[in-house]
Amino acid sequence: MMAVLVASVLLVGVLGAVNLVLMVGVIRRLREHTEQLANSRSSQPVVAVGTEIGTFSASTVDGEVLSPARLDGETVVAFFSPECKPCRAKMPSFVEYAKAMPGGRERVLATIVGEPEAAAEFVAALRPVARVVVESMESSLVSAFQTQSFPTLLTVAPDEAGRLVVRANDVPLGQPALVG
């Protein structure tokens, strides 16, 4: 009788240990999948190449009034949110990319979507290299550019008919800025 009891206790202990090892593996795999999903969502282009940009009017933090007509050459347009982890991760690369932009800050527009207090850190980083706008999610810029996720990085330029359209929806931050 004692041998059966000892064998039962050992069996329950071994099953518990196996269960623990399997659960640790499942948790590790879930974390990997969560990270992959977060990275794939943040890098998916949401605005198709060739999409016409709608009308907008926005004021930069320096008081400049922007409209589609003011983006008269190839311009990199970025949308960031202070609450967005991928935005924080891409910010240093974007700043370096914008520094190297031919045409300087006149060819870079950065929109920070959020409250002005929360956006202050982003504004400080972007202001030297871009025209910066701080707006809410319901702003005319967000609507005109059909922005639904952050960060969104686009290259826009007038087409042959003079309409402002998306030329690229995936700005290669690791490569030198080239305007074509």
N, C-alpha and C. Protein backbone atom coordinates (compact mmCIF):
# COMPACT_ATOMS: atom_id res chain seq x y z
N MET A 1 0.82 -1.18 0.00
CA MET A 1 0.00 0.00 0.00
C MET A 1 0.87 1.26 0.00
N MET A 2 1.92 1.22 0.78
CA MET A 2 2.82 2.37 0.87
C MET A 2 3.53 2.61 -0.46
N ALA A 3 3.85 1.54 -1.18
CA ALA A 3 4.53 1.67 -2.47
C ALA A 3 3.62 2.35 -3.50
N VAL A 4 2.31 2.02 -3.47
CA VAL A 4 1.36 2.64 -4.38
C VAL A 4 1.24 4.13 -4.08
N LEU A 5 1.21 4.49 -2.82
CA LEU A 5 1.12 5.89 -2.41
C LEU A 5 2.35 6.67 -2.85
N VAL A 6 3.53 6.10 -2.65
CA VAL A 6 4.77 6.76 -3.07
C VAL A 6 4.79 6.92 -4.59
N ALA A 7 4.39 5.89 -5.31
CA ALA A 7 4.36 5.96 -6.78
C ALA A 7 3.37 7.02 -7.25
N SER A 8 2.23 7.11 -6.60
CA SER A 8 1.22 8.13 -6.97
C SER A 8 1.75 9.54 -6.73
N VAL A 9 2.39 9.75 -5.61
CA VAL A 9 2.95 11.08 -5.30
C VAL A 9 4.04 11.44 -6.31
N LEU A 10 4.90 10.47 -6.64
CA LEU A 10 5.95 10.73 -7.63
C LEU A 10 5.35 11.03 -9.01
N LEU A 11 4.30 10.31 -9.39
CA LEU A 11 3.65 10.55 -10.67
C LEU A 11 3.04 11.95 -10.72
N VAL A 12 2.37 12.36 -9.65
CA VAL A 12 1.79 13.70 -9.59
C VAL A 12 2.89 14.76 -9.64
N GLY A 13 4.00 14.52 -8.96
CA GLY A 13 5.12 15.47 -8.99
C GLY A 13 5.72 15.60 -10.38
N VAL A 14 5.91 14.48 -11.07
CA VAL A 14 6.47 14.50 -12.43
C VAL A 14 5.50 15.21 -13.37
N LEU A 15 4.21 14.91 -13.27
CA LEU A 15 3.23 15.59 -14.11
C LEU A 15 3.20 17.10 -13.84
N GLY A 16 3.32 17.50 -12.61
CA GLY A 16 3.38 18.93 -12.26
C GLY A 16 4.60 19.61 -12.86
N ALA A 17 5.75 18.93 -12.81
CA ALA A 17 6.97 19.49 -13.37
C ALA A 17 6.87 19.61 -14.89
N VAL A 18 6.32 18.60 -15.55
CA VAL A 18 6.13 18.65 -17.00
C VAL A 18 5.18 19.79 -17.36
N ASN A 19 4.10 19.92 -16.61
CA ASN A 19 3.14 21.00 -16.84
C ASN A 19 3.82 22.36 -16.70
N LEU A 20 4.66 22.53 -15.69
CA LEU A 20 5.37 23.79 -15.47
C LEU A 20 6.28 24.12 -16.66
N VAL A 21 7.02 23.14 -17.15
CA VAL A 21 7.92 23.35 -18.29
C VAL A 21 7.11 23.74 -19.53
N LEU A 22 6.01 23.06 -19.77
CA LEU A 22 5.18 23.39 -20.92
C LEU A 22 4.59 24.80 -20.81
N MET A 23 4.14 25.19 -19.64
CA MET A 23 3.57 26.53 -19.45
C MET A 23 4.61 27.61 -19.67
N VAL A 24 5.83 27.40 -19.22
CA VAL A 24 6.90 28.38 -19.44
C VAL A 24 7.14 28.53 -20.94
N GLY A 25 7.13 27.43 -21.69
CA GLY A 25 7.31 27.48 -23.14
C GLY A 25 6.17 28.22 -23.83
N VAL A 26 4.94 27.97 -23.39
CA VAL A 26 3.78 28.64 -23.97
C VAL A 26 3.84 30.15 -23.70
N ILE A 27 4.18 30.52 -22.50
CA ILE A 27 4.27 31.95 -22.16
C ILE A 27 5.36 32.63 -22.99
N ARG A 28 6.50 31.99 -23.14
CA ARG A 28 7.59 32.56 -23.95
C ARG A 28 7.13 32.74 -25.39
N ARG A 29 6.45 31.76 -25.94
CA ARG A 29 5.96 31.83 -27.32
C ARG A 29 4.91 32.93 -27.49
N LEU A 30 4.03 33.09 -26.51
CA LEU A 30 3.04 34.16 -26.56
C LEU A 30 3.70 35.53 -26.58
N ARG A 31 4.74 35.69 -25.79
CA ARG A 31 5.46 36.97 -25.79
C ARG A 31 6.08 37.25 -27.15
N GLU A 32 6.67 36.24 -27.77
CA GLU A 32 7.26 36.40 -29.10
C GLU A 32 6.19 36.80 -30.12
N HIS A 33 5.05 36.14 -30.07
CA HIS A 33 3.97 36.46 -31.00
C HIS A 33 3.42 37.86 -30.77
N THR A 34 3.30 38.27 -29.53
CA THR A 34 2.82 39.62 -29.23
C THR A 34 3.77 40.65 -29.80
N GLU A 35 5.07 40.44 -29.66
CA GLU A 35 6.07 41.37 -30.21
C GLU A 35 6.00 41.40 -31.74
N GLN A 36 5.87 40.24 -32.36
CA GLN A 36 5.77 40.18 -33.82
C GLN A 36 4.53 40.91 -34.32
N LEU A 37 3.41 40.72 -33.65
CA LEU A 37 2.18 41.41 -34.04
C LEU A 37 2.33 42.92 -33.90
N ALA A 38 2.93 43.36 -32.81
CA ALA A 38 3.11 44.80 -32.61
C ALA A 38 4.00 45.38 -33.69
N ASN A 39 5.07 44.69 -34.05
CA ASN A 39 5.97 45.18 -35.09
C ASN A 39 5.31 45.17 -36.47
N SER A 40 4.52 44.15 -36.77
CA SER A 40 3.90 44.09 -38.09
C SER A 40 2.82 45.15 -38.23
N ARG A 41 2.08 45.44 -37.18
CA ARG A 41 1.05 46.49 -37.25
C ARG A 41 1.67 47.85 -37.44
N SER A 42 2.79 48.11 -36.76
CA SER A 42 3.38 49.44 -36.84
C SER A 42 4.06 49.69 -38.18
N SER A 43 4.45 48.62 -38.89
CA SER A 43 5.16 48.82 -40.14
C SER A 43 4.27 48.65 -41.37
N GLN A 44 3.00 48.32 -41.19
CA GLN A 44 2.12 48.16 -42.33
C GLN A 44 1.75 49.51 -42.92
N PRO A 45 1.94 49.68 -44.23
CA PRO A 45 1.49 50.93 -44.83
C PRO A 45 -0.02 50.98 -44.82
N VAL A 46 -0.57 52.11 -44.45
CA VAL A 46 -2.02 52.22 -44.37
C VAL A 46 -2.57 53.13 -45.46
N VAL A 47 -1.74 53.92 -46.09
CA VAL A 47 -2.18 54.81 -47.15
C VAL A 47 -1.53 54.33 -48.45
N ALA A 48 -2.35 54.00 -49.42
CA ALA A 48 -1.84 53.44 -50.67
C ALA A 48 -1.10 54.48 -51.51
N VAL A 49 -0.08 54.03 -52.20
CA VAL A 49 0.65 54.89 -53.12
C VAL A 49 -0.33 55.36 -54.19
N GLY A 50 -0.28 56.64 -54.52
CA GLY A 50 -1.18 57.23 -55.50
C GLY A 50 -2.42 57.86 -54.89
N THR A 51 -2.63 57.65 -53.59
CA THR A 51 -3.79 58.24 -52.93
C THR A 51 -3.67 59.76 -52.92
N GLU A 52 -4.74 60.43 -53.32
CA GLU A 52 -4.74 61.89 -53.30
C GLU A 52 -4.95 62.37 -51.87
N ILE A 53 -4.17 63.35 -51.46
CA ILE A 53 -4.28 63.93 -50.13
C ILE A 53 -5.43 64.93 -50.16
N GLY A 54 -6.29 64.86 -49.16
CA GLY A 54 -7.42 65.77 -49.08
C GLY A 54 -7.00 67.18 -48.70
N THR A 55 -7.96 68.05 -48.59
CA THR A 55 -7.66 69.43 -48.21
C THR A 55 -7.44 69.50 -46.70
N PHE A 56 -6.58 70.43 -46.31
CA PHE A 56 -6.31 70.65 -44.90
C PHE A 56 -5.76 72.04 -44.70
N SER A 57 -5.85 72.50 -43.48
CA SER A 57 -5.22 73.74 -43.06
C SER A 57 -4.77 73.51 -41.63
N ALA A 58 -3.48 73.72 -41.40
CA ALA A 58 -2.92 73.46 -40.08
C ALA A 58 -1.83 74.48 -39.79
N SER A 59 -1.66 74.80 -38.52
CA SER A 59 -0.61 75.73 -38.10
C SER A 59 0.50 74.96 -37.40
N THR A 60 1.73 75.27 -37.78
CA THR A 60 2.87 74.65 -37.13
C THR A 60 3.08 75.28 -35.77
N VAL A 61 3.95 74.67 -34.97
CA VAL A 61 4.25 75.23 -33.66
C VAL A 61 4.98 76.56 -33.79
N ASP A 62 5.50 76.86 -34.98
CA ASP A 62 6.17 78.14 -35.24
C ASP A 62 5.23 79.17 -35.85
N GLY A 63 3.93 78.81 -36.02
CA GLY A 63 2.94 79.75 -36.53
C GLY A 63 2.77 79.76 -38.04
N GLU A 64 3.47 78.90 -38.76
CA GLU A 64 3.32 78.81 -40.21
C GLU A 64 2.02 78.08 -40.54
N VAL A 65 1.23 78.62 -41.46
CA VAL A 65 -0.02 77.98 -41.87
C VAL A 65 0.29 77.07 -43.07
N LEU A 66 -0.10 75.81 -42.95
CA LEU A 66 0.16 74.83 -44.00
C LEU A 66 -1.15 74.43 -44.69
N SER A 67 -1.03 74.15 -45.98
CA SER A 67 -2.13 73.65 -46.79
C SER A 67 -1.49 72.77 -47.87
N PRO A 68 -2.28 72.03 -48.64
CA PRO A 68 -1.68 71.21 -49.70
C PRO A 68 -0.81 72.02 -50.67
N ALA A 69 -1.20 73.26 -50.95
CA ALA A 69 -0.42 74.10 -51.86
C ALA A 69 0.98 74.41 -51.32
N ARG A 70 1.13 74.41 -49.98
CA ARG A 70 2.43 74.70 -49.37
C ARG A 70 3.39 73.52 -49.46
N LEU A 71 2.87 72.33 -49.78
CA LEU A 71 3.71 71.16 -49.98
C LEU A 71 3.92 71.00 -51.48
N ASP A 72 4.69 71.93 -52.06
CA ASP A 72 4.82 72.04 -53.51
C ASP A 72 5.93 71.20 -54.11
N GLY A 73 6.67 70.50 -53.30
CA GLY A 73 7.71 69.59 -53.79
C GLY A 73 7.61 68.29 -53.02
N GLU A 74 8.52 67.36 -53.33
CA GLU A 74 8.51 66.09 -52.61
C GLU A 74 8.79 66.35 -51.13
N THR A 75 7.89 65.86 -50.29
CA THR A 75 7.94 66.12 -48.86
C THR A 75 7.73 64.83 -48.08
N VAL A 76 8.52 64.63 -47.05
CA VAL A 76 8.32 63.50 -46.14
C VAL A 76 7.34 63.97 -45.07
N VAL A 77 6.28 63.19 -44.88
CA VAL A 77 5.26 63.52 -43.89
C VAL A 77 5.19 62.38 -42.88
N ALA A 78 5.29 62.73 -41.60
CA ALA A 78 5.27 61.71 -40.55
C ALA A 78 4.19 62.03 -39.54
N PHE A 79 3.56 60.99 -39.04
CA PHE A 79 2.56 61.11 -37.98
C PHE A 79 3.03 60.27 -36.81
N PHE A 80 3.17 60.91 -35.66
CA PHE A 80 3.60 60.24 -34.44
C PHE A 80 2.57 60.49 -33.34
N SER A 81 2.57 59.62 -32.34
CA SER A 81 1.75 59.81 -31.16
C SER A 81 2.63 59.59 -29.93
N PRO A 82 2.54 60.48 -28.93
CA PRO A 82 3.39 60.32 -27.74
C PRO A 82 3.13 59.02 -26.97
N GLU A 83 1.94 58.43 -27.12
CA GLU A 83 1.61 57.20 -26.40
C GLU A 83 2.05 55.94 -27.13
N CYS A 84 2.67 56.09 -28.27
CA CYS A 84 2.99 54.97 -29.16
C CYS A 84 4.43 54.51 -28.96
N LYS A 85 4.62 53.26 -28.52
CA LYS A 85 5.98 52.72 -28.33
C LYS A 85 6.78 52.65 -29.63
N PRO A 86 6.19 52.16 -30.74
CA PRO A 86 6.95 52.16 -32.00
C PRO A 86 7.33 53.58 -32.45
N CYS A 87 6.50 54.58 -32.11
CA CYS A 87 6.84 55.97 -32.46
C CYS A 87 8.10 56.39 -31.72
N ARG A 88 8.16 56.09 -30.44
CA ARG A 88 9.34 56.43 -29.64
C ARG A 88 10.58 55.72 -30.18
N ALA A 89 10.40 54.48 -30.61
CA ALA A 89 11.53 53.71 -31.14
C ALA A 89 12.03 54.27 -32.47
N LYS A 90 11.12 54.76 -33.33
CA LYS A 90 11.51 55.27 -34.65
C LYS A 90 11.95 56.73 -34.63
N MET A 91 11.63 57.44 -33.57
CA MET A 91 11.92 58.87 -33.52
C MET A 91 13.40 59.21 -33.80
N PRO A 92 14.38 58.58 -33.13
CA PRO A 92 15.78 58.95 -33.41
C PRO A 92 16.17 58.72 -34.87
N SER A 93 15.73 57.61 -35.45
CA SER A 93 16.04 57.33 -36.86
C SER A 93 15.39 58.36 -37.78
N PHE A 94 14.15 58.74 -37.44
CA PHE A 94 13.46 59.73 -38.27
C PHE A 94 14.17 61.08 -38.20
N VAL A 95 14.60 61.48 -37.02
CA VAL A 95 15.31 62.76 -36.86
C VAL A 95 16.59 62.75 -37.69
N GLU A 96 17.34 61.65 -37.66
CA GLU A 96 18.57 61.56 -38.46
C GLU A 96 18.25 61.61 -39.95
N TYR A 97 17.20 60.92 -40.36
CA TYR A 97 16.78 60.93 -41.75
C TYR A 97 16.40 62.36 -42.18
N ALA A 98 15.62 63.04 -41.34
CA ALA A 98 15.17 64.40 -41.65
C ALA A 98 16.34 65.38 -41.72
N LYS A 99 17.34 65.19 -40.87
CA LYS A 99 18.53 66.06 -40.90
C LYS A 99 19.20 66.01 -42.27
N ALA A 100 19.18 64.85 -42.90
CA ALA A 100 19.87 64.66 -44.18
C ALA A 100 18.98 64.97 -45.38
N MET A 101 17.73 65.39 -45.15
CA MET A 101 16.80 65.65 -46.25
C MET A 101 17.28 66.81 -47.11
N PRO A 102 17.41 66.59 -48.43
CA PRO A 102 17.69 67.72 -49.31
C PRO A 102 16.53 68.71 -49.22
N GLY A 103 16.83 69.97 -49.08
CA GLY A 103 15.79 70.98 -48.91
C GLY A 103 15.51 71.28 -47.45
N GLY A 104 16.15 70.53 -46.55
CA GLY A 104 16.03 70.80 -45.11
C GLY A 104 14.64 70.61 -44.56
N ARG A 105 14.36 71.35 -43.50
CA ARG A 105 13.10 71.18 -42.78
C ARG A 105 11.89 71.58 -43.60
N GLU A 106 12.08 72.33 -44.72
CA GLU A 106 10.96 72.69 -45.59
C GLU A 106 10.40 71.48 -46.31
N ARG A 107 11.14 70.40 -46.37
CA ARG A 107 10.72 69.18 -47.06
C ARG A 107 10.32 68.07 -46.08
N VAL A 108 10.12 68.46 -44.80
CA VAL A 108 9.72 67.48 -43.78
C VAL A 108 8.58 68.07 -42.96
N LEU A 109 7.49 67.33 -42.85
CA LEU A 109 6.35 67.73 -42.03
C LEU A 109 6.10 66.63 -41.01
N ALA A 110 6.14 66.97 -39.74
CA ALA A 110 5.88 66.00 -38.68
C ALA A 110 4.63 66.44 -37.92
N THR A 111 3.68 65.54 -37.80
CA THR A 111 2.46 65.82 -37.05
C THR A 111 2.46 64.95 -35.81
N ILE A 112 2.35 65.58 -34.66
CA ILE A 112 2.25 64.87 -33.39
C ILE A 112 0.78 64.88 -33.01
N VAL A 113 0.21 63.70 -32.89
CA VAL A 113 -1.21 63.57 -32.58
C VAL A 113 -1.34 63.27 -31.09
N GLY A 114 -1.81 64.27 -30.36
CA GLY A 114 -1.96 64.12 -28.91
C GLY A 114 -2.06 65.47 -28.24
N GLU A 115 -2.13 65.44 -26.94
CA GLU A 115 -2.20 66.67 -26.15
C GLU A 115 -0.86 67.41 -26.21
N PRO A 116 -0.89 68.75 -26.26
CA PRO A 116 0.36 69.52 -26.35
C PRO A 116 1.37 69.21 -25.25
N GLU A 117 0.89 68.98 -24.03
CA GLU A 117 1.82 68.68 -22.92
C GLU A 117 2.54 67.36 -23.17
N ALA A 118 1.80 66.36 -23.64
CA ALA A 118 2.39 65.05 -23.90
C ALA A 118 3.30 65.09 -25.13
N ALA A 119 3.03 66.00 -26.05
CA ALA A 119 3.79 66.09 -27.30
C ALA A 119 5.08 66.90 -27.17
N ALA A 120 5.30 67.55 -26.05
CA ALA A 120 6.43 68.47 -25.89
C ALA A 120 7.78 67.81 -26.19
N GLU A 121 7.99 66.60 -25.74
CA GLU A 121 9.26 65.90 -25.98
C GLU A 121 9.46 65.65 -27.48
N PHE A 122 8.41 65.24 -28.17
CA PHE A 122 8.49 65.00 -29.60
C PHE A 122 8.75 66.32 -30.35
N VAL A 123 8.06 67.38 -29.95
CA VAL A 123 8.23 68.68 -30.59
C VAL A 123 9.68 69.14 -30.46
N ALA A 124 10.25 69.00 -29.26
CA ALA A 124 11.63 69.42 -29.04
C ALA A 124 12.61 68.65 -29.94
N ALA A 125 12.36 67.36 -30.15
CA ALA A 125 13.25 66.56 -30.99
C ALA A 125 13.08 66.88 -32.47
N LEU A 126 11.85 67.17 -32.89
CA LEU A 126 11.56 67.34 -34.31
C LEU A 126 11.69 68.77 -34.83
N ARG A 127 11.50 69.74 -33.98
CA ARG A 127 11.46 71.14 -34.41
C ARG A 127 12.70 71.58 -35.19
N PRO A 128 13.90 71.16 -34.81
CA PRO A 128 15.07 71.60 -35.60
C PRO A 128 15.14 71.02 -37.01
N VAL A 129 14.43 69.90 -37.27
CA VAL A 129 14.59 69.23 -38.56
C VAL A 129 13.30 69.17 -39.38
N ALA A 130 12.18 69.65 -38.83
CA ALA A 130 10.90 69.54 -39.53
C ALA A 130 9.96 70.66 -39.15
N ARG A 131 8.99 70.90 -40.02
CA ARG A 131 7.86 71.75 -39.64
C ARG A 131 6.96 70.84 -38.81
N VAL A 132 6.62 71.28 -37.61
CA VAL A 132 5.92 70.42 -36.65
C VAL A 132 4.53 70.98 -36.36
N VAL A 133 3.54 70.08 -36.41
CA VAL A 133 2.16 70.41 -36.09
C VAL A 133 1.73 69.48 -34.96
N VAL A 134 1.05 70.04 -33.96
CA VAL A 134 0.48 69.23 -32.87
C VAL A 134 -1.03 69.34 -32.99
N GLU A 135 -1.68 68.19 -33.20
CA GLU A 135 -3.13 68.18 -33.39
C GLU A 135 -3.75 66.96 -32.73
N SER A 136 -5.09 66.96 -32.72
CA SER A 136 -5.84 65.83 -32.17
C SER A 136 -6.11 64.82 -33.28
N MET A 137 -6.63 63.67 -32.91
CA MET A 137 -6.95 62.62 -33.89
C MET A 137 -8.02 63.08 -34.87
N GLU A 138 -8.83 64.05 -34.50
CA GLU A 138 -9.90 64.55 -35.37
C GLU A 138 -9.44 65.72 -36.23
N SER A 139 -8.15 65.97 -36.33
CA SER A 139 -7.64 67.14 -37.05
C SER A 139 -7.78 66.98 -38.57
N SER A 140 -7.63 68.10 -39.25
CA SER A 140 -7.74 68.08 -40.71
C SER A 140 -6.55 67.34 -41.35
N LEU A 141 -5.37 67.39 -40.74
CA LEU A 141 -4.21 66.67 -41.29
C LEU A 141 -4.42 65.17 -41.20
N VAL A 142 -4.85 64.68 -40.06
CA VAL A 142 -5.07 63.25 -39.88
C VAL A 142 -6.11 62.77 -40.88
N SER A 143 -7.15 63.54 -41.06
CA SER A 143 -8.22 63.19 -42.00
C SER A 143 -7.72 63.26 -43.44
N ALA A 144 -7.03 64.32 -43.81
CA ALA A 144 -6.56 64.51 -45.18
C ALA A 144 -5.59 63.41 -45.60
N PHE A 145 -4.74 62.96 -44.68
CA PHE A 145 -3.75 61.94 -44.98
C PHE A 145 -4.25 60.53 -44.67
N GLN A 146 -5.51 60.41 -44.22
CA GLN A 146 -6.13 59.13 -43.91
C GLN A 146 -5.31 58.29 -42.94
N THR A 147 -4.77 58.95 -41.94
CA THR A 147 -3.92 58.28 -40.96
C THR A 147 -4.76 57.52 -39.96
N GLN A 148 -4.44 56.25 -39.78
CA GLN A 148 -5.18 55.42 -38.83
C GLN A 148 -4.29 54.73 -37.82
N SER A 149 -2.99 54.73 -38.04
CA SER A 149 -2.07 54.10 -37.10
C SER A 149 -0.79 54.91 -37.00
N PHE A 150 -0.03 54.64 -35.98
CA PHE A 150 1.20 55.38 -35.72
C PHE A 150 2.36 54.42 -35.50
N PRO A 151 3.53 54.77 -35.94
CA PRO A 151 3.84 55.91 -36.79
C PRO A 151 3.43 55.65 -38.23
N THR A 152 3.08 56.71 -38.93
CA THR A 152 2.83 56.66 -40.37
C THR A 152 3.86 57.57 -41.02
N LEU A 153 4.62 57.04 -41.95
CA LEU A 153 5.67 57.79 -42.65
C LEU A 153 5.40 57.71 -44.14
N LEU A 154 5.21 58.87 -44.77
CA LEU A 154 4.86 58.95 -46.18
C LEU A 154 5.78 59.92 -46.91
N THR A 155 5.88 59.74 -48.20
CA THR A 155 6.47 60.74 -49.08
C THR A 155 5.35 61.19 -50.01
N VAL A 156 5.14 62.51 -50.08
CA VAL A 156 4.09 63.06 -50.92
C VAL A 156 4.69 64.09 -51.88
N ALA A 157 4.00 64.27 -53.00
CA ALA A 157 4.43 65.27 -53.99
C ALA A 157 3.27 65.52 -54.94
N PRO A 158 3.27 66.68 -55.58
CA PRO A 158 2.24 66.93 -56.61
C PRO A 158 2.44 65.99 -57.80
N ASP A 159 1.34 65.50 -58.37
CA ASP A 159 1.43 64.69 -59.58
C ASP A 159 1.41 65.60 -60.80
N GLU A 160 1.31 65.02 -61.99
CA GLU A 160 1.33 65.80 -63.22
C GLU A 160 0.18 66.79 -63.30
N ALA A 161 -0.94 66.45 -62.67
CA ALA A 161 -2.11 67.34 -62.69
C ALA A 161 -2.07 68.36 -61.54
N GLY A 162 -1.02 68.31 -60.73
CA GLY A 162 -0.88 69.26 -59.63
C GLY A 162 -1.56 68.83 -58.34
N ARG A 163 -2.13 67.60 -58.32
CA ARG A 163 -2.77 67.10 -57.10
C ARG A 163 -1.71 66.50 -56.18
N LEU A 164 -1.82 66.76 -54.88
CA LEU A 164 -0.87 66.21 -53.90
C LEU A 164 -1.23 64.75 -53.67
N VAL A 165 -0.28 63.85 -53.97
CA VAL A 165 -0.52 62.41 -53.85
C VAL A 165 0.62 61.74 -53.08
N VAL A 166 0.31 60.55 -52.56
CA VAL A 166 1.31 59.74 -51.86
C VAL A 166 2.22 59.10 -52.90
N ARG A 167 3.52 59.35 -52.78
CA ARG A 167 4.51 58.76 -53.68
C ARG A 167 5.10 57.48 -53.07
N ALA A 168 5.22 57.46 -51.75
CA ALA A 168 5.76 56.28 -51.06
C ALA A 168 5.10 56.19 -49.69
N ASN A 169 4.78 54.97 -49.27
CA ASN A 169 4.16 54.80 -47.96
C ASN A 169 5.05 54.02 -47.00
N ASP A 170 6.32 53.92 -47.35
CA ASP A 170 7.29 53.25 -46.49
C ASP A 170 8.62 53.98 -46.62
N VAL A 171 8.84 54.97 -45.78
CA VAL A 171 10.07 55.76 -45.83
C VAL A 171 11.20 54.93 -45.24
N PRO A 172 12.26 54.66 -46.03
CA PRO A 172 13.36 53.82 -45.57
C PRO A 172 14.33 54.61 -44.66
N LEU A 173 14.03 54.63 -43.37
CA LEU A 173 14.80 55.46 -42.43
C LEU A 173 16.27 55.05 -42.34
N GLY A 174 16.60 53.82 -42.67
CA GLY A 174 17.99 53.38 -42.59
C GLY A 174 18.83 53.78 -43.78
N GLN A 175 18.21 54.40 -44.80
CA GLN A 175 18.91 54.80 -46.00
C GLN A 175 18.98 56.32 -46.07
N PRO A 176 19.95 56.86 -46.81
CA PRO A 176 20.03 58.32 -46.94
C PRO A 176 18.78 58.89 -47.60
N ALA A 177 18.41 60.08 -47.19
CA ALA A 177 17.24 60.76 -47.76
C ALA A 177 17.57 61.23 -49.17
N LEU A 178 16.77 60.80 -50.11
CA LEU A 178 16.93 61.20 -51.51
C LEU A 178 15.61 61.72 -52.01
N VAL A 179 15.60 62.87 -52.63
CA VAL A 179 14.39 63.41 -53.23
C VAL A 179 14.52 63.22 -54.72
N GLY A 180 13.50 62.59 -55.32
CA GLY A 180 13.59 62.29 -56.74
C GLY A 180 12.63 63.00 -57.58
